[in-house]
N, C-alpha and C. Protein backbone atom coordinates (compact mmCIF):
# COMPACT_ATOMS: atom_id res chain seq x y z
N PRO A 1 108.68 71.71 82.82
CA PRO A 1 107.80 71.61 84.04
C PRO A 1 106.93 70.65 84.05
N TYR A 2 106.95 69.89 85.16
CA TYR A 2 106.06 68.80 85.37
C TYR A 2 105.38 69.06 86.78
N LEU A 3 104.51 68.35 87.09
CA LEU A 3 103.67 67.98 88.46
C LEU A 3 103.47 66.67 88.89
N LEU A 4 104.07 66.29 89.68
CA LEU A 4 103.46 64.63 89.87
C LEU A 4 102.59 64.66 90.91
N MET A 5 101.81 64.13 90.88
CA MET A 5 100.29 63.63 91.91
C MET A 5 100.94 62.59 92.50
N LEU A 6 100.63 62.17 93.95
CA LEU A 6 100.51 61.39 94.60
C LEU A 6 99.79 60.78 95.60
N ASN A 7 98.99 59.49 95.84
CA ASN A 7 98.30 59.70 96.65
C ASN A 7 99.29 59.22 98.21
N ASP A 8 98.90 59.12 99.36
CA ASP A 8 99.65 59.32 100.54
C ASP A 8 99.42 58.05 101.01
N ASP A 9 98.84 56.72 100.26
CA ASP A 9 98.92 55.35 100.62
C ASP A 9 99.19 54.62 99.56
N VAL A 10 100.79 55.17 98.98
CA VAL A 10 101.07 54.30 97.89
C VAL A 10 102.85 54.61 98.48
N GLU A 11 103.35 53.25 97.95
CA GLU A 11 104.74 53.09 98.31
C GLU A 11 105.54 53.01 96.69
N PHE A 12 106.92 53.25 96.59
CA PHE A 12 107.23 53.42 95.44
C PHE A 12 108.77 53.26 95.53
N ASP A 13 109.12 52.75 94.54
CA ASP A 13 110.95 52.22 94.59
C ASP A 13 111.47 53.11 94.51
N SER A 14 113.05 53.19 94.93
CA SER A 14 114.00 54.55 94.76
C SER A 14 113.98 55.24 93.10
N ASP A 15 113.82 54.48 92.21
CA ASP A 15 114.28 54.53 90.50
C ASP A 15 112.36 55.21 90.01
N TYR A 16 111.40 55.36 90.99
CA TYR A 16 110.65 55.92 90.46
C TYR A 16 110.50 56.76 89.85
N LEU A 17 111.20 58.49 90.29
CA LEU A 17 110.64 59.52 89.53
C LEU A 17 111.59 59.51 88.59
N SER A 18 112.91 58.69 88.42
CA SER A 18 113.56 59.05 87.28
C SER A 18 113.06 58.36 86.36
N SER A 19 112.26 57.28 86.19
CA SER A 19 111.87 56.35 85.43
C SER A 19 110.65 57.13 85.00
N MET A 20 109.52 57.90 85.76
CA MET A 20 108.27 58.62 84.92
C MET A 20 108.95 59.60 84.42
N LEU A 21 110.44 60.68 84.63
CA LEU A 21 110.98 61.51 83.90
C LEU A 21 111.61 60.81 82.82
N ARG A 22 112.00 60.40 82.63
CA ARG A 22 112.41 59.61 81.66
C ARG A 22 111.39 59.27 80.26
N HIS A 23 110.51 58.54 80.63
CA HIS A 23 109.36 58.80 79.76
C HIS A 23 108.41 60.02 79.74
N ALA A 24 108.17 61.00 80.35
CA ALA A 24 107.51 62.15 80.15
C ALA A 24 108.68 62.86 79.03
N LEU A 25 109.85 62.63 79.16
CA LEU A 25 110.72 63.17 78.14
C LEU A 25 110.79 62.97 76.71
N ALA A 26 110.60 61.57 76.56
CA ALA A 26 110.49 60.74 75.66
C ALA A 26 109.26 60.87 74.73
N HIS A 27 107.95 61.14 75.65
CA HIS A 27 106.80 61.64 74.75
C HIS A 27 106.23 63.06 75.73
N PRO A 28 106.68 64.03 74.92
CA PRO A 28 106.21 64.76 75.16
C PRO A 28 104.81 65.33 74.64
N ASP A 29 104.15 65.76 75.58
CA ASP A 29 102.42 66.38 75.38
C ASP A 29 101.71 65.01 75.58
N SER A 30 102.28 64.45 76.75
CA SER A 30 101.58 63.16 77.31
C SER A 30 101.65 63.51 78.68
N LEU A 31 100.22 62.72 79.76
CA LEU A 31 99.98 62.55 80.74
C LEU A 31 100.81 61.20 81.26
N ILE A 32 101.96 60.86 81.82
CA ILE A 32 102.41 59.91 82.30
C ILE A 32 101.56 59.08 83.83
N GLY A 33 101.04 57.98 83.77
CA GLY A 33 100.52 57.61 84.72
C GLY A 33 101.51 56.00 85.25
N SER A 34 101.00 55.94 86.31
CA SER A 34 101.77 54.94 87.21
C SER A 34 101.03 53.56 86.86
N LEU A 35 102.08 52.56 86.79
CA LEU A 35 101.69 50.94 87.21
C LEU A 35 101.51 50.98 88.74
N ALA A 36 100.15 49.82 88.80
CA ALA A 36 99.96 49.99 90.47
C ALA A 36 99.91 48.61 90.96
N VAL A 37 100.92 48.10 91.70
CA VAL A 37 100.25 46.84 92.04
C VAL A 37 100.14 46.33 93.60
N TYR A 38 99.25 45.59 94.05
CA TYR A 38 98.46 44.91 94.91
C TYR A 38 99.68 45.17 96.54
N GLY A 39 99.23 46.07 97.46
CA GLY A 39 100.44 45.66 98.61
C GLY A 39 100.79 43.94 99.35
N GLU A 40 99.75 43.56 99.14
CA GLU A 40 99.25 42.23 99.60
C GLU A 40 100.08 41.11 98.46
N ASP A 41 100.12 41.67 97.48
CA ASP A 41 100.81 40.78 96.28
C ASP A 41 101.07 41.52 95.38
N PRO A 42 102.68 41.97 95.22
CA PRO A 42 102.78 42.72 94.07
C PRO A 42 103.59 42.50 92.81
N SER A 43 102.64 40.81 92.63
CA SER A 43 103.23 40.43 91.55
C SER A 43 101.60 40.62 90.93
N ARG A 44 100.68 41.37 91.21
CA ARG A 44 99.47 41.20 90.99
C ARG A 44 99.07 42.85 90.61
N VAL A 45 98.65 43.08 89.33
CA VAL A 45 98.31 44.39 88.68
C VAL A 45 97.42 44.72 89.45
N PHE A 46 96.94 45.95 89.80
CA PHE A 46 96.07 46.81 90.19
C PHE A 46 95.57 47.31 89.19
N TRP A 47 96.42 48.40 88.79
CA TRP A 47 96.01 49.19 87.45
C TRP A 47 97.10 49.35 86.51
N CYS A 48 96.75 49.66 85.23
CA CYS A 48 97.68 49.90 84.03
C CYS A 48 96.95 50.89 83.02
N GLY A 49 96.43 51.41 83.64
CA GLY A 49 95.63 52.64 82.51
C GLY A 49 94.42 51.78 81.39
N LYS A 50 94.24 50.48 81.70
CA LYS A 50 93.15 50.24 80.52
C LYS A 50 91.66 50.53 80.90
N ALA A 51 91.11 51.00 81.75
CA ALA A 51 89.53 51.52 82.02
C ALA A 51 89.76 52.68 81.82
N ALA A 52 88.06 52.89 81.13
CA ALA A 52 87.71 54.47 80.90
C ALA A 52 87.04 54.73 82.15
N SER A 53 86.55 53.74 83.05
CA SER A 53 85.51 53.92 83.82
C SER A 53 86.34 54.02 85.24
N TYR A 54 86.24 54.52 86.10
CA TYR A 54 87.04 54.51 87.51
C TYR A 54 86.72 53.34 88.31
N ARG A 55 85.49 53.13 88.00
CA ARG A 55 84.46 52.01 88.62
C ARG A 55 85.33 50.51 88.06
N GLN A 56 86.03 50.12 87.15
CA GLN A 56 86.77 49.21 86.27
C GLN A 56 87.98 49.10 86.25
N CYS A 57 88.28 49.76 87.46
CA CYS A 57 90.10 49.54 87.40
C CYS A 57 91.02 48.36 88.17
N ARG A 58 90.03 47.19 88.22
CA ARG A 58 90.65 46.37 88.74
C ARG A 58 91.26 45.32 87.75
N TYR A 59 92.69 44.51 87.95
CA TYR A 59 93.31 44.15 87.00
C TYR A 59 93.63 42.58 87.88
N ASP A 60 92.81 42.34 88.72
CA ASP A 60 93.48 41.06 89.63
C ASP A 60 93.89 39.67 88.62
N TYR A 61 93.40 39.70 87.37
CA TYR A 61 93.69 38.44 86.52
C TYR A 61 94.94 38.46 86.13
N VAL A 62 95.69 40.21 86.22
CA VAL A 62 96.62 40.26 85.39
C VAL A 62 98.34 40.83 86.01
N ARG A 63 99.50 39.91 85.30
CA ARG A 63 100.45 39.11 86.58
C ARG A 63 101.43 40.46 86.02
N ARG A 64 102.66 41.05 86.81
CA ARG A 64 103.23 41.94 86.43
C ARG A 64 104.45 41.28 85.51
N GLU A 65 104.79 40.43 85.62
CA GLU A 65 105.67 39.74 84.26
C GLU A 65 105.69 40.28 83.56
N GLY A 66 106.58 40.49 82.61
CA GLY A 66 106.39 41.30 81.53
C GLY A 66 106.19 42.46 80.44
N LEU A 67 105.42 43.53 81.59
CA LEU A 67 105.23 44.80 81.39
C LEU A 67 106.04 45.76 81.70
N ALA A 68 106.56 46.12 80.57
CA ALA A 68 107.78 47.16 80.53
C ALA A 68 107.38 48.26 79.66
N GLY A 69 108.17 49.26 79.65
CA GLY A 69 107.98 50.92 78.79
C GLY A 69 106.82 51.26 79.13
N CYS A 70 105.91 52.18 78.16
CA CYS A 70 104.90 52.86 78.34
C CYS A 70 103.80 51.93 77.62
N VAL A 71 102.33 51.88 78.16
CA VAL A 71 101.45 51.58 77.29
C VAL A 71 100.34 52.68 77.20
N ALA A 72 99.62 52.86 76.17
CA ALA A 72 98.83 53.65 75.87
C ALA A 72 97.42 53.30 77.02
N ALA A 73 96.98 54.37 77.74
CA ALA A 73 95.92 54.44 78.74
C ALA A 73 94.42 54.74 78.30
N GLU A 74 93.32 54.73 78.58
CA GLU A 74 92.31 55.21 78.44
C GLU A 74 91.63 56.15 79.29
N ALA A 75 92.64 56.27 80.48
CA ALA A 75 92.01 57.08 81.46
C ALA A 75 93.30 56.80 82.41
N LEU A 76 93.31 57.74 83.56
CA LEU A 76 94.89 57.79 84.74
C LEU A 76 94.45 58.46 85.74
N PRO A 77 94.41 57.37 86.93
CA PRO A 77 94.00 57.78 88.38
C PRO A 77 95.32 58.68 88.59
N GLY A 78 94.99 59.81 89.78
CA GLY A 78 95.83 60.99 90.18
C GLY A 78 96.69 60.23 91.37
N ARG A 79 96.97 58.59 91.60
CA ARG A 79 97.37 58.45 92.54
C ARG A 79 98.98 58.07 92.12
N GLY A 80 99.27 58.53 91.00
CA GLY A 80 100.88 58.25 90.55
C GLY A 80 100.71 58.99 89.37
N MET A 81 100.31 60.23 88.92
CA MET A 81 100.49 60.81 87.59
C MET A 81 101.12 61.93 87.38
N LEU A 82 102.28 61.89 86.49
CA LEU A 82 103.21 63.05 86.28
C LEU A 82 102.49 64.05 84.71
N VAL A 83 102.49 64.95 85.03
CA VAL A 83 101.57 65.72 84.29
C VAL A 83 102.68 67.09 83.92
N PRO A 84 102.57 67.67 82.84
CA PRO A 84 103.03 69.11 81.91
C PRO A 84 101.95 69.68 82.74
N THR A 85 102.74 70.98 83.52
CA THR A 85 102.41 71.82 83.68
C THR A 85 101.30 72.83 82.84
N ASP A 86 101.71 72.52 81.48
CA ASP A 86 100.82 73.55 80.63
C ASP A 86 99.63 72.80 80.81
N VAL A 87 99.51 71.63 80.51
CA VAL A 87 97.79 71.36 81.08
C VAL A 87 96.69 71.62 81.45
N PHE A 88 97.50 72.13 83.12
CA PHE A 88 96.42 72.94 83.73
C PHE A 88 95.91 73.89 83.09
N ARG A 89 97.27 74.83 82.40
CA ARG A 89 96.86 76.01 82.00
C ARG A 89 95.71 76.15 80.96
N ARG A 90 95.87 74.63 79.95
CA ARG A 90 95.26 74.18 79.15
C ARG A 90 93.66 74.08 79.31
N ILE A 91 93.44 73.19 80.26
CA ILE A 91 92.19 72.83 80.28
C ILE A 91 91.33 73.04 81.94
N GLY A 92 92.64 73.77 82.63
CA GLY A 92 92.18 73.91 83.98
C GLY A 92 92.29 72.67 85.41
N LEU A 93 92.02 72.64 86.50
CA LEU A 93 92.68 72.07 87.41
C LEU A 93 90.86 70.76 87.51
N PHE A 94 91.81 70.15 88.78
CA PHE A 94 90.54 69.24 89.01
C PHE A 94 89.11 69.94 89.31
N ASP A 95 87.98 69.18 88.90
CA ASP A 95 86.68 69.91 88.98
C ASP A 95 86.37 69.07 90.28
N GLU A 96 86.58 69.70 91.72
CA GLU A 96 86.15 69.27 93.01
C GLU A 96 84.65 69.56 93.31
N LYS A 97 84.18 70.42 92.59
CA LYS A 97 82.99 70.39 92.92
C LYS A 97 81.79 69.36 92.61
N ALA A 98 82.20 69.06 91.07
CA ALA A 98 81.25 67.99 90.63
C ALA A 98 82.03 66.38 91.03
N PHE A 99 83.11 66.40 91.51
CA PHE A 99 83.87 64.89 91.68
C PHE A 99 84.85 65.47 92.96
N PRO A 100 84.05 65.37 94.60
CA PRO A 100 84.52 65.67 95.96
C PRO A 100 85.50 64.86 96.19
N GLN A 101 85.87 63.66 95.64
CA GLN A 101 86.47 62.31 96.19
C GLN A 101 87.28 61.79 95.17
N TYR A 102 86.09 61.22 94.75
CA TYR A 102 86.59 59.95 93.23
C TYR A 102 86.32 60.58 92.05
N ALA A 103 87.07 60.29 91.01
CA ALA A 103 86.84 60.32 89.43
C ALA A 103 87.38 61.68 89.04
N ALA A 104 87.76 62.51 90.13
CA ALA A 104 87.96 64.25 89.58
C ALA A 104 89.22 63.69 88.89
N ASP A 105 90.50 62.63 89.31
CA ASP A 105 91.65 62.35 88.26
C ASP A 105 91.06 61.83 87.01
N PHE A 106 90.04 61.10 87.02
CA PHE A 106 90.16 60.75 85.76
C PHE A 106 89.30 61.31 84.90
N ASP A 107 88.21 62.40 85.48
CA ASP A 107 87.79 63.42 84.64
C ASP A 107 88.84 64.51 83.91
N PHE A 108 90.10 64.40 84.88
CA PHE A 108 90.92 65.20 84.33
C PHE A 108 91.63 64.78 83.10
N SER A 109 92.15 63.63 83.75
CA SER A 109 92.69 62.84 82.22
C SER A 109 91.52 62.64 81.05
N LEU A 110 90.57 62.64 81.02
CA LEU A 110 89.64 62.44 79.94
C LEU A 110 89.63 63.67 79.40
N ARG A 111 89.57 64.69 80.24
CA ARG A 111 89.82 65.93 79.47
C ARG A 111 90.96 66.61 78.86
N ALA A 112 92.06 66.00 79.17
CA ALA A 112 93.65 66.03 78.86
C ALA A 112 93.16 65.45 77.55
N ARG A 113 92.89 64.20 77.65
CA ARG A 113 93.01 63.67 76.21
C ARG A 113 92.44 64.33 75.04
N LYS A 114 91.27 64.55 75.61
CA LYS A 114 90.12 65.71 74.51
C LYS A 114 90.83 66.64 74.04
N ALA A 115 92.06 67.14 74.53
CA ALA A 115 92.22 68.28 74.49
C ALA A 115 93.85 68.01 73.38
N GLY A 116 93.95 66.72 73.53
CA GLY A 116 94.80 66.38 72.80
C GLY A 116 96.28 65.86 73.68
N TYR A 117 96.22 65.74 74.53
CA TYR A 117 97.30 64.86 75.38
C TYR A 117 97.24 63.33 75.68
N ARG A 118 98.17 62.46 74.88
CA ARG A 118 97.94 61.25 75.23
C ARG A 118 98.15 61.08 76.64
N LEU A 119 97.89 59.70 77.13
CA LEU A 119 97.54 59.30 78.20
C LEU A 119 98.60 58.15 77.85
N LEU A 120 99.64 57.93 79.04
CA LEU A 120 100.47 56.82 78.94
C LEU A 120 100.67 56.30 80.25
N CYS A 121 100.82 55.00 80.41
CA CYS A 121 101.02 54.48 82.07
C CYS A 121 102.33 53.86 81.92
N CYS A 122 103.41 53.89 82.86
CA CYS A 122 104.77 53.98 82.62
C CYS A 122 104.74 52.31 83.63
N CYS A 123 105.16 51.34 82.68
CA CYS A 123 105.61 49.66 83.84
C CYS A 123 106.74 49.67 83.97
N ASP A 124 107.47 50.45 83.62
CA ASP A 124 108.52 50.30 84.05
C ASP A 124 109.32 50.17 85.45
N THR A 125 108.28 50.69 86.51
CA THR A 125 108.41 51.06 88.13
C THR A 125 107.01 50.97 88.45
N ALA A 126 106.72 50.63 89.61
CA ALA A 126 105.42 50.14 90.25
C ALA A 126 105.13 51.23 91.42
N LEU A 127 103.81 51.52 91.58
CA LEU A 127 103.61 52.36 93.14
C LEU A 127 102.72 50.71 93.56
N VAL A 128 102.97 50.71 95.12
CA VAL A 128 102.15 49.57 95.51
C VAL A 128 101.10 50.20 96.56
N VAL A 129 99.89 49.68 96.09
CA VAL A 129 98.75 50.44 97.10
C VAL A 129 98.31 49.58 97.72
N SER A 130 97.92 50.42 98.85
CA SER A 130 97.17 49.48 100.19
C SER A 130 95.57 49.67 99.81
N THR A 131 95.34 48.70 99.69
CA THR A 131 93.75 48.68 99.38
C THR A 131 93.00 48.63 100.47
N SER A 132 93.50 48.73 101.50
CA SER A 132 92.74 48.25 102.79
C SER A 132 92.71 49.68 103.16
N GLN A 133 93.28 50.89 103.04
CA GLN A 133 93.18 52.47 102.61
C GLN A 133 91.68 52.70 102.02
N THR A 134 91.27 52.11 100.93
CA THR A 134 89.98 52.92 100.43
C THR A 134 89.06 53.41 100.88
N GLY A 135 88.30 54.09 100.45
CA GLY A 135 87.03 54.46 100.98
C GLY A 135 85.77 53.09 101.08
N PRO A 136 84.72 53.63 102.26
CA PRO A 136 83.65 53.12 102.74
C PRO A 136 82.89 52.14 101.33
N GLY A 137 82.63 51.28 101.16
CA GLY A 137 81.77 50.38 100.13
C GLY A 137 82.63 49.79 98.89
N SER A 138 83.70 50.06 98.92
CA SER A 138 84.58 49.62 98.12
C SER A 138 84.78 48.19 98.05
N VAL A 139 85.16 48.11 96.65
CA VAL A 139 84.99 46.53 96.61
C VAL A 139 86.32 45.46 96.91
N TYR A 140 87.18 46.57 97.61
CA TYR A 140 88.25 45.96 98.10
C TYR A 140 88.16 45.49 99.98
N ARG A 141 87.28 46.21 100.22
CA ARG A 141 86.69 46.03 101.80
C ARG A 141 85.67 45.01 101.96
N SER A 142 85.60 44.75 103.08
CA SER A 142 84.44 43.77 103.56
C SER A 142 83.43 43.87 104.65
N ASP A 143 83.00 45.31 104.02
CA ASP A 143 82.26 46.16 104.84
C ASP A 143 80.98 45.53 105.08
N PRO A 144 79.95 45.53 106.35
CA PRO A 144 78.67 45.30 106.11
C PRO A 144 77.99 46.17 105.31
N LEU A 145 76.70 45.00 105.06
CA LEU A 145 75.62 45.86 104.51
C LEU A 145 75.33 46.91 104.48
N ARG A 146 75.05 47.22 105.61
CA ARG A 146 74.62 49.03 105.95
C ARG A 146 75.39 49.60 105.67
N VAL A 147 77.11 49.49 105.66
CA VAL A 147 78.18 50.43 105.51
C VAL A 147 78.44 50.91 104.02
N PHE A 148 77.64 49.29 103.16
CA PHE A 148 77.86 49.71 101.86
C PHE A 148 76.81 50.25 101.27
N LEU A 149 75.23 50.22 101.94
CA LEU A 149 74.46 51.00 101.33
C LEU A 149 74.45 52.52 101.35
N ARG A 150 74.87 53.27 103.09
CA ARG A 150 75.52 54.41 103.44
C ARG A 150 76.33 54.64 102.25
N SER A 151 77.42 53.47 101.68
CA SER A 151 78.53 54.41 100.84
C SER A 151 77.79 55.08 99.81
N PHE A 152 76.21 54.45 99.18
CA PHE A 152 76.00 55.45 98.25
C PHE A 152 75.54 57.00 98.10
N TRP A 153 75.91 57.37 99.56
CA TRP A 153 75.78 58.82 100.01
C TRP A 153 76.67 59.55 100.68
N HIS A 154 77.83 58.42 100.69
CA HIS A 154 79.03 58.76 101.45
C HIS A 154 79.99 59.67 100.33
N VAL A 155 80.64 60.87 100.66
CA VAL A 155 80.93 61.61 99.63
C VAL A 155 82.50 61.21 99.35
N ARG A 156 82.91 60.37 100.43
CA ARG A 156 84.64 59.56 100.41
C ARG A 156 84.42 58.02 99.71
N SER A 157 83.37 58.04 99.55
CA SER A 157 83.08 56.14 98.94
C SER A 157 83.39 56.53 97.34
N PRO A 158 84.03 55.23 96.81
CA PRO A 158 83.51 55.31 95.40
C PRO A 158 82.06 55.00 94.57
N ASN A 159 81.20 54.74 95.54
CA ASN A 159 79.72 54.64 95.61
C ASN A 159 79.32 55.82 95.12
N TYR A 160 79.71 56.67 95.56
CA TYR A 160 78.92 58.18 95.88
C TYR A 160 78.01 58.58 94.79
N LEU A 161 76.49 58.19 94.96
CA LEU A 161 76.22 58.50 93.50
C LEU A 161 76.09 59.75 92.88
N PRO A 162 76.00 60.99 93.18
CA PRO A 162 76.27 62.14 93.17
C PRO A 162 77.48 62.09 91.76
N ALA A 163 78.75 61.51 92.73
CA ALA A 163 79.46 62.12 91.28
C ALA A 163 79.55 60.78 90.45
N LEU A 164 79.04 59.79 90.60
CA LEU A 164 79.09 58.58 89.58
C LEU A 164 78.04 59.18 88.69
N TRP A 165 77.00 59.36 88.93
CA TRP A 165 75.98 60.08 87.82
C TRP A 165 76.74 61.43 86.77
N ARG A 166 77.61 62.55 87.32
CA ARG A 166 78.32 63.34 86.86
C ARG A 166 79.20 62.96 86.11
N PHE A 167 79.82 61.66 86.38
CA PHE A 167 81.28 61.02 85.49
C PHE A 167 80.37 60.69 84.57
């Protein structure tokens, strides 16, 4: 059995789940993440699993053409991650106290990797990400300076200093 985690601000094709399951069955003991593309330009890759820091997840320069199958990932976001349920029994849940909004998913995937699970990103199907929906202070938004500065203490911001420090 598996648990599929999805963000509420993503869209996906009708073959998304079958593709994810196919790769999960082909790669037991693996967490399967999702290729993510920009809603504004679906040919541009937003995420393909290659950054170990959730602050370095932008792949503007990568084009989607030619990406297929599964690629090894350094970390996985929870916006589209298929997880074998035994992972939760083995490493526990997301650490919502240390990471109340951002980075709990990355922390979870890194703990799973440390416990011996492989992290893979499925490139056969993609999630379409609406970057305008992200938290205050994000590099994807054009917030005023005061909003950006406040974002370091805003729990729903990717810049939230206490979470960055813990990560």
